[in-house]
């Protein structure tokens, strides 16, 4: 059974309608989302603090106390909750939006969306997808019970879920830029594009730079330090974004193999890039990235196994193979 599930709004239709009406004046609406399975926003902020800064996302650590001028610590009134600030172009309309995600109760997150009224639901849904909150994670503990090696990595942040790109379109652009470059080089080039062509949005007291919508990416010149081939491929990806080829919801509905085949039709998108777009862009939770050589090498080492053994390891993670890959790719632990 697929763990994908729809977003549950823990507010009545009337309250949603009222909130969206008020949006005309305030440009901000808050909803609460029930998440199926373990989640802790504080684990997200801790993870983001340990990883290189990316476009469109920023962790805001909670504060339990403040230091007065004399150096003494004083508790704040209830403290401030950890939160994650997001900024992205909303898929399909490609208008810009921001969202602030915090935790209001165990298993319940609060999302404050700054978006045009007609894009509020899409903004909330996209924010949930970026943080994998729209996946039913109630079966993940069973996977961990079968695999103590994976469980040891998840234990470092049990409320953390995979953190994805802002959209499949953005993931495809990153993949094009990253070709034959180190990840750090690609991140710097993508951020350069975002700072010049994207938007700076403010939410939760933080300014977040987001990647440009397809229509704003435009034709890049040589000042972006990309080859002519890569600039041409980015233009093709932007066109695919406008045409809906990279629509995340559509890609998720397709069988994984079919989704990968469709994405590979884009120029410059090979096996590695296609898996990245479908798994880390569209957010399919059960896609195991077989073409990600650094990951598969690490897994063979951790499990002391060969290629057939690696396939057996991945099979134990079903239907969360993408989640297992995330924890080995992006979560570091003390191996002692």
C-alpha atoms as a PDB file:
ATOM      1  CA  UNK A   1       0.000   0.000   0.000  1.00  0.00           C
ATOM      2  CA  UNK A   2       1.345   3.450  -0.902  1.00  0.00           C
ATOM      3  CA  UNK A   3       2.103   5.718   2.072  1.00  0.00           C
ATOM      4  CA  UNK A   4       1.069   8.792   0.092  1.00  0.00           C
ATOM      5  CA  UNK A   5      -1.905  10.541   1.620  1.00  0.00           C
ATOM      6  CA  UNK A   6      -3.756  13.789   1.166  1.00  0.00           C
ATOM      7  CA  UNK A   7      -3.310  16.790   3.413  1.00  0.00           C
ATOM      8  CA  UNK A   8      -5.787  16.876   6.300  1.00  0.00           C
ATOM      9  CA  UNK A   9      -6.829  20.357   7.362  1.00  0.00           C
ATOM     10  CA  UNK A  10      -7.772  20.416  11.045  1.00  0.00           C
ATOM     11  CA  UNK A  11     -10.045  23.392  10.522  1.00  0.00           C
ATOM     12  CA  UNK A  12     -13.629  23.487   9.375  1.00  0.00           C
ATOM     13  CA  UNK A  13     -14.521  24.513   5.852  1.00  0.00           C
ATOM     14  CA  UNK A  14     -16.109  27.625   7.301  1.00  0.00           C
ATOM     15  CA  UNK A  15     -12.902  28.628   9.080  1.00  0.00           C
ATOM     16  CA  UNK A  16     -10.856  28.009   5.953  1.00  0.00           C
ATOM     17  CA  UNK A  17     -13.266  30.160   3.972  1.00  0.00           C
ATOM     18  CA  UNK A  18     -13.084  32.910   6.598  1.00  0.00           C
ATOM     19  CA  UNK A  19      -9.313  32.728   6.654  1.00  0.00           C
ATOM     20  CA  UNK A  20      -9.086  32.988   2.883  1.00  0.00           C
ATOM     21  CA  UNK A  21     -11.453  35.953   2.913  1.00  0.00           C
ATOM     22  CA  UNK A  22      -9.246  37.649   5.501  1.00  0.00           C
ATOM     23  CA  UNK A  23      -6.261  36.906   3.287  1.00  0.00           C
ATOM     24  CA  UNK A  24      -7.289  39.728   0.994  1.00  0.00           C
ATOM     25  CA  UNK A  25      -6.326  42.135   3.762  1.00  0.00           C
ATOM     26  CA  UNK A  26      -3.580  40.291   5.694  1.00  0.00           C
ATOM     27  CA  UNK A  27      -1.911  38.110   3.010  1.00  0.00           C
ATOM     28  CA  UNK A  28      -1.459  35.482   5.729  1.00  0.00           C
ATOM     29  CA  UNK A  29      -3.525  32.473   6.736  1.00  0.00           C
ATOM     30  CA  UNK A  30      -2.755  29.808   9.316  1.00  0.00           C
ATOM     31  CA  UNK A  31      -4.007  26.224   9.287  1.00  0.00           C
ATOM     32  CA  UNK A  32      -3.232  23.171  11.367  1.00  0.00           C
ATOM     33  CA  UNK A  33      -2.326  19.897   9.703  1.00  0.00           C
ATOM     34  CA  UNK A  34      -2.585  16.453  11.249  1.00  0.00           C
ATOM     35  CA  UNK A  35       0.490  14.428  10.350  1.00  0.00           C
ATOM     36  CA  UNK A  36       0.292  10.649  10.259  1.00  0.00           C
ATOM     37  CA  UNK A  37       3.320   9.210  12.009  1.00  0.00           C
ATOM     38  CA  UNK A  38       6.183  10.720  13.983  1.00  0.00           C
ATOM     39  CA  UNK A  39       7.128  14.343  13.364  1.00  0.00           C
ATOM     40  CA  UNK A  40       9.037  16.960  15.341  1.00  0.00           C
ATOM     41  CA  UNK A  41       9.764  20.342  13.776  1.00  0.00           C
ATOM     42  CA  UNK A  42      12.672  20.807  16.214  1.00  0.00           C
ATOM     43  CA  UNK A  43      14.406  17.857  14.537  1.00  0.00           C
ATOM     44  CA  UNK A  44      14.049  19.635  11.180  1.00  0.00           C
ATOM     45  CA  UNK A  45      15.670  22.829  12.473  1.00  0.00           C
ATOM     46  CA  UNK A  46      18.498  20.828  14.054  1.00  0.00           C
ATOM     47  CA  UNK A  47      19.055  19.006  10.751  1.00  0.00           C
ATOM     48  CA  UNK A  48      19.021  22.239   8.721  1.00  0.00           C
ATOM     49  CA  UNK A  49      21.574  23.767  11.102  1.00  0.00           C
ATOM     50  CA  UNK A  50      23.956  20.895  10.336  1.00  0.00           C
ATOM     51  CA  UNK A  51      23.587  20.974   6.550  1.00  0.00           C
ATOM     52  CA  UNK A  52      24.700  23.518   3.897  1.00  0.00           C
ATOM     53  CA  UNK A  53      22.219  26.329   3.340  1.00  0.00           C
ATOM     54  CA  UNK A  54      19.893  25.758   0.407  1.00  0.00           C
ATOM     55  CA  UNK A  55      17.557  28.007  -1.547  1.00  0.00           C
ATOM     56  CA  UNK A  56      14.015  28.302  -0.306  1.00  0.00           C
ATOM     57  CA  UNK A  57      14.399  26.950   3.233  1.00  0.00           C
ATOM     58  CA  UNK A  58      15.695  28.081   6.613  1.00  0.00           C
ATOM     59  CA  UNK A  59      15.434  26.559  10.068  1.00  0.00           C
ATOM     60  CA  UNK A  60      14.568  28.820  12.990  1.00  0.00           C
ATOM     61  CA  UNK A  61      15.595  27.272  16.305  1.00  0.00           C
ATOM     62  CA  UNK A  62      13.284  27.646  19.288  1.00  0.00           C
ATOM     63  CA  UNK A  63      14.335  29.794  22.246  1.00  0.00           C
ATOM     64  CA  UNK A  64      13.628  28.686  25.798  1.00  0.00           C
ATOM     65  CA  UNK A  65      15.572  31.462  27.521  1.00  0.00           C
ATOM     66  CA  UNK A  66      17.324  34.751  26.848  1.00  0.00           C
ATOM     67  CA  UNK A  67      20.474  36.261  28.359  1.00  0.00           C
ATOM     68  CA  UNK A  68      20.127  39.614  30.104  1.00  0.00           C
ATOM     69  CA  UNK A  69      22.741  42.368  30.001  1.00  0.00           C
ATOM     70  CA  UNK A  70      24.266  41.150  33.279  1.00  0.00           C
ATOM     71  CA  UNK A  71      24.833  37.680  31.769  1.00  0.00           C
ATOM     72  CA  UNK A  72      22.070  35.919  33.665  1.00  0.00           C
ATOM     73  CA  UNK A  73      19.679  33.578  31.836  1.00  0.00           C
ATOM     74  CA  UNK A  74      15.950  34.191  32.032  1.00  0.00           C
ATOM     75  CA  UNK A  75      13.208  31.854  30.799  1.00  0.00           C
ATOM     76  CA  UNK A  76      10.942  33.258  28.129  1.00  0.00           C
ATOM     77  CA  UNK A  77       7.200  33.065  28.603  1.00  0.00           C
ATOM     78  CA  UNK A  78       6.650  29.534  27.345  1.00  0.00           C
ATOM     79  CA  UNK A  79       9.580  29.818  24.934  1.00  0.00           C
ATOM     80  CA  UNK A  80       9.327  30.103  21.185  1.00  0.00           C
ATOM     81  CA  UNK A  81       8.740  27.015  19.071  1.00  0.00           C
ATOM     82  CA  UNK A  82      11.208  25.858  16.458  1.00  0.00           C
ATOM     83  CA  UNK A  83      10.000  26.533  12.939  1.00  0.00           C
ATOM     84  CA  UNK A  84      10.956  26.109   9.306  1.00  0.00           C
ATOM     85  CA  UNK A  85      10.636  29.016   6.879  1.00  0.00           C
ATOM     86  CA  UNK A  86       9.931  28.119   3.235  1.00  0.00           C
ATOM     87  CA  UNK A  87       9.733  30.197   0.064  1.00  0.00           C
ATOM     88  CA  UNK A  88       8.915  28.853  -3.387  1.00  0.00           C
ATOM     89  CA  UNK A  89       7.001  29.394  -6.623  1.00  0.00           C
ATOM     90  CA  UNK A  90       3.663  27.587  -6.309  1.00  0.00           C
ATOM     91  CA  UNK A  91       3.339  24.836  -8.885  1.00  0.00           C
ATOM     92  CA  UNK A  92       0.875  25.388 -11.749  1.00  0.00           C
ATOM     93  CA  UNK A  93       0.194  29.091 -11.048  1.00  0.00           C
ATOM     94  CA  UNK A  94       3.914  29.797 -10.398  1.00  0.00           C
ATOM     95  CA  UNK A  95       3.090  32.743  -8.159  1.00  0.00           C
ATOM     96  CA  UNK A  96       5.488  33.197  -5.252  1.00  0.00           C
ATOM     97  CA  UNK A  97       4.542  32.146  -1.738  1.00  0.00           C
ATOM     98  CA  UNK A  98       6.103  31.684   1.681  1.00  0.00           C
ATOM     99  CA  UNK A  99       5.178  29.397   4.550  1.00  0.00           C
ATOM    100  CA  UNK A 100       6.196  29.084   8.182  1.00  0.00           C
ATOM    101  CA  UNK A 101       5.908  25.585   9.644  1.00  0.00           C
ATOM    102  CA  UNK A 102       5.866  25.042  13.406  1.00  0.00           C
ATOM    103  CA  UNK A 103       4.469  22.452  15.803  1.00  0.00           C
ATOM    104  CA  UNK A 104       1.286  23.177  17.742  1.00  0.00           C
ATOM    105  CA  UNK A 105       0.832  19.742  19.367  1.00  0.00           C
ATOM    106  CA  UNK A 106       2.205  16.188  19.061  1.00  0.00           C
ATOM    107  CA  UNK A 107       1.390  15.049  15.529  1.00  0.00           C
ATOM    108  CA  UNK A 108      -0.010  18.451  14.547  1.00  0.00           C
ATOM    109  CA  UNK A 109       1.858  21.180  12.669  1.00  0.00           C
ATOM    110  CA  UNK A 110       0.807  24.773  12.112  1.00  0.00           C
ATOM    111  CA  UNK A 111       1.425  26.292   8.706  1.00  0.00           C
ATOM    112  CA  UNK A 112       1.225  30.029   8.151  1.00  0.00           C
ATOM    113  CA  UNK A 113       0.945  30.683   4.436  1.00  0.00           C
ATOM    114  CA  UNK A 114       1.686  34.005   2.763  1.00  0.00           C
ATOM    115  CA  UNK A 115       0.125  33.596  -0.684  1.00  0.00           C
ATOM    116  CA  UNK A 116      -2.576  34.940  -2.924  1.00  0.00           C
ATOM    117  CA  UNK A 117      -6.008  33.654  -1.894  1.00  0.00           C
ATOM    118  CA  UNK A 118      -6.463  31.216  -4.754  1.00  0.00           C
ATOM    119  CA  UNK A 119      -3.100  29.567  -3.991  1.00  0.00           C
ATOM    120  CA  UNK A 120      -3.484  29.033  -0.232  1.00  0.00           C
ATOM    121  CA  UNK A 121      -4.378  25.340  -0.446  1.00  0.00           C
ATOM    122  CA  UNK A 122      -1.657  24.684  -3.033  1.00  0.00           C
ATOM    123  CA  UNK A 123       0.877  26.567  -0.889  1.00  0.00           C
ATOM    124  CA  UNK A 124       0.053  24.484   2.188  1.00  0.00           C
ATOM    125  CA  UNK A 125       0.141  21.262   0.167  1.00  0.00           C
ATOM    126  CA  UNK A 126       3.500  22.152  -1.370  1.00  0.00           C
ATOM    127  CA  UNK A 127       4.962  23.080   2.025  1.00  0.00           C
ATOM    128  CA  UNK A 128       3.810  19.702   3.329  1.00  0.00           C
ATOM    129  CA  UNK A 129       5.392  17.921   0.390  1.00  0.00           C
ATOM    130  CA  UNK A 130       8.733  19.727   0.817  1.00  0.00           C
ATOM    131  CA  UNK A 131       8.917  18.455   4.416  1.00  0.00           C
ATOM    132  CA  UNK A 132       7.322  15.049   3.601  1.00  0.00           C
ATOM    133  CA  UNK A 133       4.438  15.822   5.953  1.00  0.00           C
ATOM    134  CA  UNK A 134       1.915  14.550   3.394  1.00  0.00           C
ATOM    135  CA  UNK A 135       3.206  10.983   3.657  1.00  0.00           C
ATOM    136  CA  UNK A 136       1.594   8.503   6.031  1.00  0.00           C
ATOM    137  CA  UNK A 137       4.566   7.577   8.184  1.00  0.00           C
ATOM    138  CA  UNK A 138       2.768   5.256  10.581  1.00  0.00           C
ATOM    139  CA  UNK A 139       4.415   2.231   8.940  1.00  0.00           C
ATOM    140  CA  UNK A 140       7.972   3.580   9.164  1.00  0.00           C
ATOM    141  CA  UNK A 141       8.638   2.250  12.717  1.00  0.00           C
ATOM    142  CA  UNK A 142       7.994  -1.262  11.403  1.00  0.00           C
ATOM    143  CA  UNK A 143      10.704  -0.713   8.799  1.00  0.00           C
ATOM    144  CA  UNK A 144      13.108   0.449  11.505  1.00  0.00           C
ATOM    145  CA  UNK A 145      12.302  -2.593  13.619  1.00  0.00           C
ATOM    146  CA  UNK A 146      13.495  -4.779  10.723  1.00  0.00           C
ATOM    147  CA  UNK A 147      16.692  -2.801  10.171  1.00  0.00           C
ATOM    148  CA  UNK A 148      18.791  -1.776  13.209  1.00  0.00           C
ATOM    149  CA  UNK A 149      21.407  -0.110  10.972  1.00  0.00           C
ATOM    150  CA  UNK A 150      18.845   2.318   9.567  1.00  0.00           C
ATOM    151  CA  UNK A 151      17.194   2.684  12.978  1.00  0.00           C
ATOM    152  CA  UNK A 152      20.491   3.919  14.431  1.00  0.00           C
ATOM    153  CA  UNK A 153      20.578   6.794  11.924  1.00  0.00           C
ATOM    154  CA  UNK A 154      16.932   7.724  12.415  1.00  0.00           C
ATOM    155  CA  UNK A 155      17.451   7.796  16.188  1.00  0.00           C
ATOM    156  CA  UNK A 156      19.507  10.985  15.732  1.00  0.00           C
ATOM    157  CA  UNK A 157      16.306  12.805  14.719  1.00  0.00           C
ATOM    158  CA  UNK A 158      13.235  10.573  15.095  1.00  0.00           C
ATOM    159  CA  UNK A 159      10.862  13.396  14.205  1.00  0.00           C
ATOM    160  CA  UNK A 160      12.700  14.257  10.994  1.00  0.00           C
ATOM    161  CA  UNK A 161      11.403  13.295   7.565  1.00  0.00           C
ATOM    162  CA  UNK A 162      13.030  13.786   4.149  1.00  0.00           C
ATOM    163  CA  UNK A 163      13.534  17.430   3.198  1.00  0.00           C
ATOM    164  CA  UNK A 164      12.916  17.880  -0.527  1.00  0.00           C
ATOM    165  CA  UNK A 165      13.477  20.488  -3.206  1.00  0.00           C
ATOM    166  CA  UNK A 166      10.815  23.167  -3.559  1.00  0.00           C
ATOM    167  CA  UNK A 167       9.415  21.425  -6.648  1.00  0.00           C
ATOM    168  CA  UNK A 168      10.281  18.807  -9.252  1.00  0.00           C
ATOM    169  CA  UNK A 169      11.047  21.709 -11.601  1.00  0.00           C
ATOM    170  CA  UNK A 170      13.608  23.131  -9.166  1.00  0.00           C
ATOM    171  CA  UNK A 171      15.112  19.675  -8.663  1.00  0.00           C
ATOM    172  CA  UNK A 172      15.496  19.270 -12.433  1.00  0.00           C
ATOM    173  CA  UNK A 173      17.228  22.649 -12.695  1.00  0.00           C
ATOM    174  CA  UNK A 174      19.604  21.680  -9.880  1.00  0.00           C
ATOM    175  CA  UNK A 175      20.360  18.378 -11.616  1.00  0.00           C
ATOM    176  CA  UNK A 176      21.223  20.175 -14.858  1.00  0.00           C
ATOM    177  CA  UNK A 177      23.524  22.597 -13.058  1.00  0.00           C
ATOM    178  CA  UNK A 178      25.130  19.825 -10.981  1.00  0.00           C
ATOM    179  CA  UNK A 179      26.233  17.725 -13.950  1.00  0.00           C
ATOM    180  CA  UNK A 180      29.993  17.037 -13.596  1.00  0.00           C
ATOM    181  CA  UNK A 181      30.282  19.423 -10.633  1.00  0.00           C
ATOM    182  CA  UNK A 182      30.625  18.918  -6.902  1.00  0.00           C
ATOM    183  CA  UNK A 183      27.446  19.429  -4.888  1.00  0.00           C
ATOM    184  CA  UNK A 184      28.910  22.506  -3.196  1.00  0.00           C
ATOM    185  CA  UNK A 185      29.692  24.054  -6.586  1.00  0.00           C
ATOM    186  CA  UNK A 186      26.182  23.338  -7.865  1.00  0.00           C
ATOM    187  CA  UNK A 187      24.600  24.786  -4.708  1.00  0.00           C
ATOM    188  CA  UNK A 188      26.594  28.012  -5.148  1.00  0.00           C
ATOM    189  CA  UNK A 189      25.615  28.363  -8.807  1.00  0.00           C
ATOM    190  CA  UNK A 190      21.943  27.657  -8.113  1.00  0.00           C
ATOM    191  CA  UNK A 191      21.928  30.194  -5.299  1.00  0.00           C
ATOM    192  CA  UNK A 192      23.511  32.738  -7.660  1.00  0.00           C
ATOM    193  CA  UNK A 193      20.620  32.172 -10.084  1.00  0.00           C
ATOM    194  CA  UNK A 194      18.090  32.486  -7.249  1.00  0.00           C
ATOM    195  CA  UNK A 195      19.570  35.752  -5.989  1.00  0.00           C
ATOM    196  CA  UNK A 196      19.479  37.332  -9.454  1.00  0.00           C
ATOM    197  CA  UNK A 197      16.291  35.837 -10.930  1.00  0.00           C
ATOM    198  CA  UNK A 198      14.285  34.584  -7.932  1.00  0.00           C
ATOM    199  CA  UNK A 199      12.605  36.371  -5.034  1.00  0.00           C
ATOM    200  CA  UNK A 200      13.472  37.317  -1.472  1.00  0.00           C
ATOM    201  CA  UNK A 201      10.438  36.597   0.693  1.00  0.00           C
ATOM    202  CA  UNK A 202      10.098  37.327   4.392  1.00  0.00           C
ATOM    203  CA  UNK A 203       8.262  34.980   6.753  1.00  0.00           C
ATOM    204  CA  UNK A 204       8.666  34.371  10.482  1.00  0.00           C
ATOM    205  CA  UNK A 205      11.136  37.219  10.736  1.00  0.00           C
ATOM    206  CA  UNK A 206      13.489  35.565   8.227  1.00  0.00           C
ATOM    207  CA  UNK A 207      14.286  36.500   4.658  1.00  0.00           C
ATOM    208  CA  UNK A 208      14.419  33.451   2.408  1.00  0.00           C
ATOM    209  CA  UNK A 209      15.738  33.483  -1.157  1.00  0.00           C
ATOM    210  CA  UNK A 210      13.778  31.181  -3.439  1.00  0.00           C
ATOM    211  CA  UNK A 211      14.517  29.783  -6.876  1.00  0.00           C
ATOM    212  CA  UNK A 212      12.836  31.604  -9.778  1.00  0.00           C
ATOM    213  CA  UNK A 213       9.580  30.427 -11.334  1.00  0.00           C
ATOM    214  CA  UNK A 214       9.937  29.043 -14.874  1.00  0.00           C
ATOM    215  CA  UNK A 215       8.829  32.316 -16.429  1.00  0.00           C
ATOM    216  CA  UNK A 216      11.436  34.273 -14.460  1.00  0.00           C
ATOM    217  CA  UNK A 217      14.329  31.936 -15.174  1.00  0.00           C
ATOM    218  CA  UNK A 218      14.529  33.279 -18.708  1.00  0.00           C
ATOM    219  CA  UNK A 219      17.566  33.051 -20.954  1.00  0.00           C
ATOM    220  CA  UNK A 220      20.705  33.071 -18.839  1.00  0.00           C
ATOM    221  CA  UNK A 221      23.894  34.611 -20.202  1.00  0.00           C
ATOM    222  CA  UNK A 222      27.508  33.663 -19.577  1.00  0.00           C
ATOM    223  CA  UNK A 223      27.664  35.782 -16.393  1.00  0.00           C
ATOM    224  CA  UNK A 224      25.903  32.912 -14.593  1.00  0.00           C
ATOM    225  CA  UNK A 225      29.073  30.805 -15.064  1.00  0.00           C
ATOM    226  CA  UNK A 226      27.213  28.000 -16.839  1.00  0.00           C
ATOM    227  CA  UNK A 227      28.051  26.499 -20.209  1.00  0.00           C
ATOM    228  CA  UNK A 228      25.870  27.285 -23.201  1.00  0.00           C
ATOM    229  CA  UNK A 229      24.699  23.656 -23.175  1.00  0.00           C
ATOM    230  CA  UNK A 230      23.540  23.878 -19.559  1.00  0.00           C
ATOM    231  CA  UNK A 231      21.803  27.214 -20.158  1.00  0.00           C
ATOM    232  CA  UNK A 232      19.906  25.699 -23.091  1.00  0.00           C
ATOM    233  CA  UNK A 233      18.910  22.696 -20.976  1.00  0.00           C
ATOM    234  CA  UNK A 234      17.653  24.954 -18.183  1.00  0.00           C
ATOM    235  CA  UNK A 235      15.447  26.748 -20.694  1.00  0.00           C
ATOM    236  CA  UNK A 236      13.996  23.376 -21.723  1.00  0.00           C
ATOM    237  CA  UNK A 237      13.344  22.463 -18.072  1.00  0.00           C
ATOM    238  CA  UNK A 238      11.577  25.798 -17.538  1.00  0.00           C
ATOM    239  CA  UNK A 239       9.367  25.119 -20.565  1.00  0.00           C
ATOM    240  CA  UNK A 240       8.555  21.664 -19.190  1.00  0.00           C
ATOM    241  CA  UNK A 241       7.625  23.274 -15.871  1.00  0.00           C
ATOM    242  CA  UNK A 242       5.177  25.636 -17.547  1.00  0.00           C
ATOM    243  CA  UNK A 243       3.649  22.806 -19.594  1.00  0.00           C
ATOM    244  CA  UNK A 244       3.065  20.644 -16.485  1.00  0.00           C
ATOM    245  CA  UNK A 245       5.480  17.888 -17.458  1.00  0.00           C
ATOM    246  CA  UNK A 246       7.156  18.240 -14.051  1.00  0.00           C
ATOM    247  CA  UNK A 247       3.985  18.594 -12.004  1.00  0.00           C
ATOM    248  CA  UNK A 248       4.771  16.791  -8.727  1.00  0.00           C
ATOM    249  CA  UNK A 249       1.271  15.450  -8.106  1.00  0.00           C
ATOM    250  CA  UNK A 250       1.127  13.979 -11.609  1.00  0.00           C
ATOM    251  CA  UNK A 251       4.572  12.362 -11.317  1.00  0.00           C
ATOM    252  CA  UNK A 252       3.631  10.830  -7.970  1.00  0.00           C
ATOM    253  CA  UNK A 253       0.496   9.259  -9.411  1.00  0.00           C
ATOM    254  CA  UNK A 254       2.471   7.482 -12.106  1.00  0.00           C
ATOM    255  CA  UNK A 255       4.265   4.170 -11.531  1.00  0.00           C
ATOM    256  CA  UNK A 256       7.861   4.998 -10.581  1.00  0.00           C
ATOM    257  CA  UNK A 257       9.283   3.511 -13.764  1.00  0.00           C
ATOM    258  CA  UNK A 258       6.898   5.504 -15.944  1.00  0.00           C
ATOM    259  CA  UNK A 259       7.649   8.747 -14.097  1.00  0.00           C
ATOM    260  CA  UNK A 260      11.387   8.194 -14.538  1.00  0.00           C
ATOM    261  CA  UNK A 261      10.957   7.520 -18.257  1.00  0.00           C
ATOM    262  CA  UNK A 262       8.978  10.737 -18.744  1.00  0.00           C
ATOM    263  CA  UNK A 263      11.519  12.874 -16.894  1.00  0.00           C
ATOM    264  CA  UNK A 264      14.403  11.313 -18.840  1.00  0.00           C
ATOM    265  CA  UNK A 265      12.944  12.710 -22.066  1.00  0.00           C
ATOM    266  CA  UNK A 266      14.184  16.133 -20.971  1.00  0.00           C
ATOM    267  CA  UNK A 267      17.614  17.133 -22.348  1.00  0.00           C
ATOM    268  CA  UNK A 268      20.416  16.566 -19.868  1.00  0.00           C
ATOM    269  CA  UNK A 269      18.369  14.329 -17.561  1.00  0.00           C
ATOM    270  CA  UNK A 270      19.955  10.894 -17.181  1.00  0.00           C
ATOM    271  CA  UNK A 271      19.247   8.070 -14.705  1.00  0.00           C
ATOM    272  CA  UNK A 272      20.722   9.857 -11.670  1.00  0.00           C
ATOM    273  CA  UNK A 273      18.930  13.126 -12.433  1.00  0.00           C
ATOM    274  CA  UNK A 274      15.601  11.433 -13.165  1.00  0.00           C
ATOM    275  CA  UNK A 275      15.686   9.657  -9.799  1.00  0.00           C
ATOM    276  CA  UNK A 276      16.513  12.946  -8.109  1.00  0.00           C
ATOM    277  CA  UNK A 277      13.598  14.733  -9.793  1.00  0.00           C
ATOM    278  CA  UNK A 278      11.006  12.058  -9.010  1.00  0.00           C
ATOM    279  CA  UNK A 279      12.319  11.137  -5.561  1.00  0.00           C
ATOM    280  CA  UNK A 280      13.637  14.400  -4.105  1.00  0.00           C
ATOM    281  CA  UNK A 281      11.618  16.826  -6.233  1.00  0.00           C
ATOM    282  CA  UNK A 282       8.182  15.239  -6.625  1.00  0.00           C
ATOM    283  CA  UNK A 283       8.736  13.438  -3.320  1.00  0.00           C
ATOM    284  CA  UNK A 284       7.917   9.814  -4.062  1.00  0.00           C
ATOM    285  CA  UNK A 285       8.660   8.101  -0.725  1.00  0.00           C
ATOM    286  CA  UNK A 286       9.416   4.660  -2.163  1.00  0.00           C
ATOM    287  CA  UNK A 287      11.910   5.520  -4.885  1.00  0.00           C
ATOM    288  CA  UNK A 288      15.303   3.970  -4.187  1.00  0.00           C
ATOM    289  CA  UNK A 289      17.996   5.914  -6.137  1.00  0.00           C
ATOM    290  CA  UNK A 290      19.996   3.081  -7.665  1.00  0.00           C
ATOM    291  CA  UNK A 291      22.020   5.464  -9.849  1.00  0.00           C
ATOM    292  CA  UNK A 292      23.299   7.458  -6.839  1.00  0.00           C
ATOM    293  CA  UNK A 293      26.733   5.857  -6.656  1.00  0.00           C
ATOM    294  CA  UNK A 294      27.942   7.640  -3.510  1.00  0.00           C
ATOM    295  CA  UNK A 295      24.866   6.396  -1.654  1.00  0.00           C
ATOM    296  CA  UNK A 296      25.054   2.812  -2.882  1.00  0.00           C
ATOM    297  CA  UNK A 297      28.780   2.659  -2.066  1.00  0.00           C
ATOM    298  CA  UNK A 298      28.065   3.885   1.463  1.00  0.00           C
ATOM    299  CA  UNK A 299      25.288   1.340   1.898  1.00  0.00           C
ATOM    300  CA  UNK A 300      27.490  -1.533   0.775  1.00  0.00           C
ATOM    301  CA  UNK A 301      30.028  -0.444   3.376  1.00  0.00           C
ATOM    302  CA  UNK A 302      27.536  -0.007   6.228  1.00  0.00           C
ATOM    303  CA  UNK A 303      25.820  -3.317   5.530  1.00  0.00           C
ATOM    304  CA  UNK A 304      28.989  -5.143   4.460  1.00  0.00           C
ATOM    305  CA  UNK A 305      27.202  -6.491   1.402  1.00  0.00           C
ATOM    306  CA  UNK A 306      27.391  -6.772  -2.387  1.00  0.00           C
ATOM    307  CA  UNK A 307      24.958  -5.611  -5.093  1.00  0.00           C
ATOM    308  CA  UNK A 308      22.368  -8.410  -4.578  1.00  0.00           C
ATOM    309  CA  UNK A 309      22.595  -7.849  -0.830  1.00  0.00           C
ATOM    310  CA  UNK A 310      22.052  -4.121  -1.349  1.00  0.00           C
ATOM    311  CA  UNK A 311      18.829  -4.853  -3.251  1.00  0.00           C
ATOM    312  CA  UNK A 312      17.661  -6.978  -0.320  1.00  0.00           C
ATOM    313  CA  UNK A 313      18.430  -4.106   2.092  1.00  0.00           C
ATOM    314  CA  UNK A 314      16.381  -1.670  -0.006  1.00  0.00           C
ATOM    315  CA  UNK A 315      13.512  -4.152  -0.218  1.00  0.00           C
ATOM    316  CA  UNK A 316      13.322  -4.223   3.584  1.00  0.00           C
ATOM    317  CA  UNK A 317      12.637  -0.473   3.504  1.00  0.00           C
ATOM    318  CA  UNK A 318       9.487  -0.738   1.355  1.00  0.00           C
ATOM    319  CA  UNK A 319       7.350   1.364   1.057  1.00  0.00           C
ATOM    320  CA  UNK A 320       9.803   3.957   2.426  1.00  0.00           C
ATOM    321  CA  UNK A 321      12.881   3.277   0.301  1.00  0.00           C
ATOM    322  CA  UNK A 322      13.266   6.981  -0.443  1.00  0.00           C
ATOM    323  CA  UNK A 323      13.187   7.758   3.286  1.00  0.00           C
ATOM    324  CA  UNK A 324      15.890   5.193   3.993  1.00  0.00           C
ATOM    325  CA  UNK A 325      18.062   6.732   1.263  1.00  0.00           C
ATOM    326  CA  UNK A 326      17.566  10.207   2.764  1.00  0.00           C
ATOM    327  CA  UNK A 327      18.777   9.179   6.216  1.00  0.00           C
ATOM    328  CA  UNK A 328      21.931   7.596   4.797  1.00  0.00           C
ATOM    329  CA  UNK A 329      22.607  10.468   2.385  1.00  0.00           C
ATOM    330  CA  UNK A 330      22.002  13.420   4.651  1.00  0.00           C
ATOM    331  CA  UNK A 331      22.108  12.342   8.298  1.00  0.00           C
ATOM    332  CA  UNK A 332      25.503  11.807   9.886  1.00  0.00           C
ATOM    333  CA  UNK A 333      25.996   9.992  13.178  1.00  0.00           C
ATOM    334  CA  UNK A 334      28.883   9.056  15.413  1.00  0.00           C
ATOM    335  CA  UNK A 335      29.858   5.618  14.145  1.00  0.00           C
ATOM    336  CA  UNK A 336      31.770   4.788  17.336  1.00  0.00           C
END
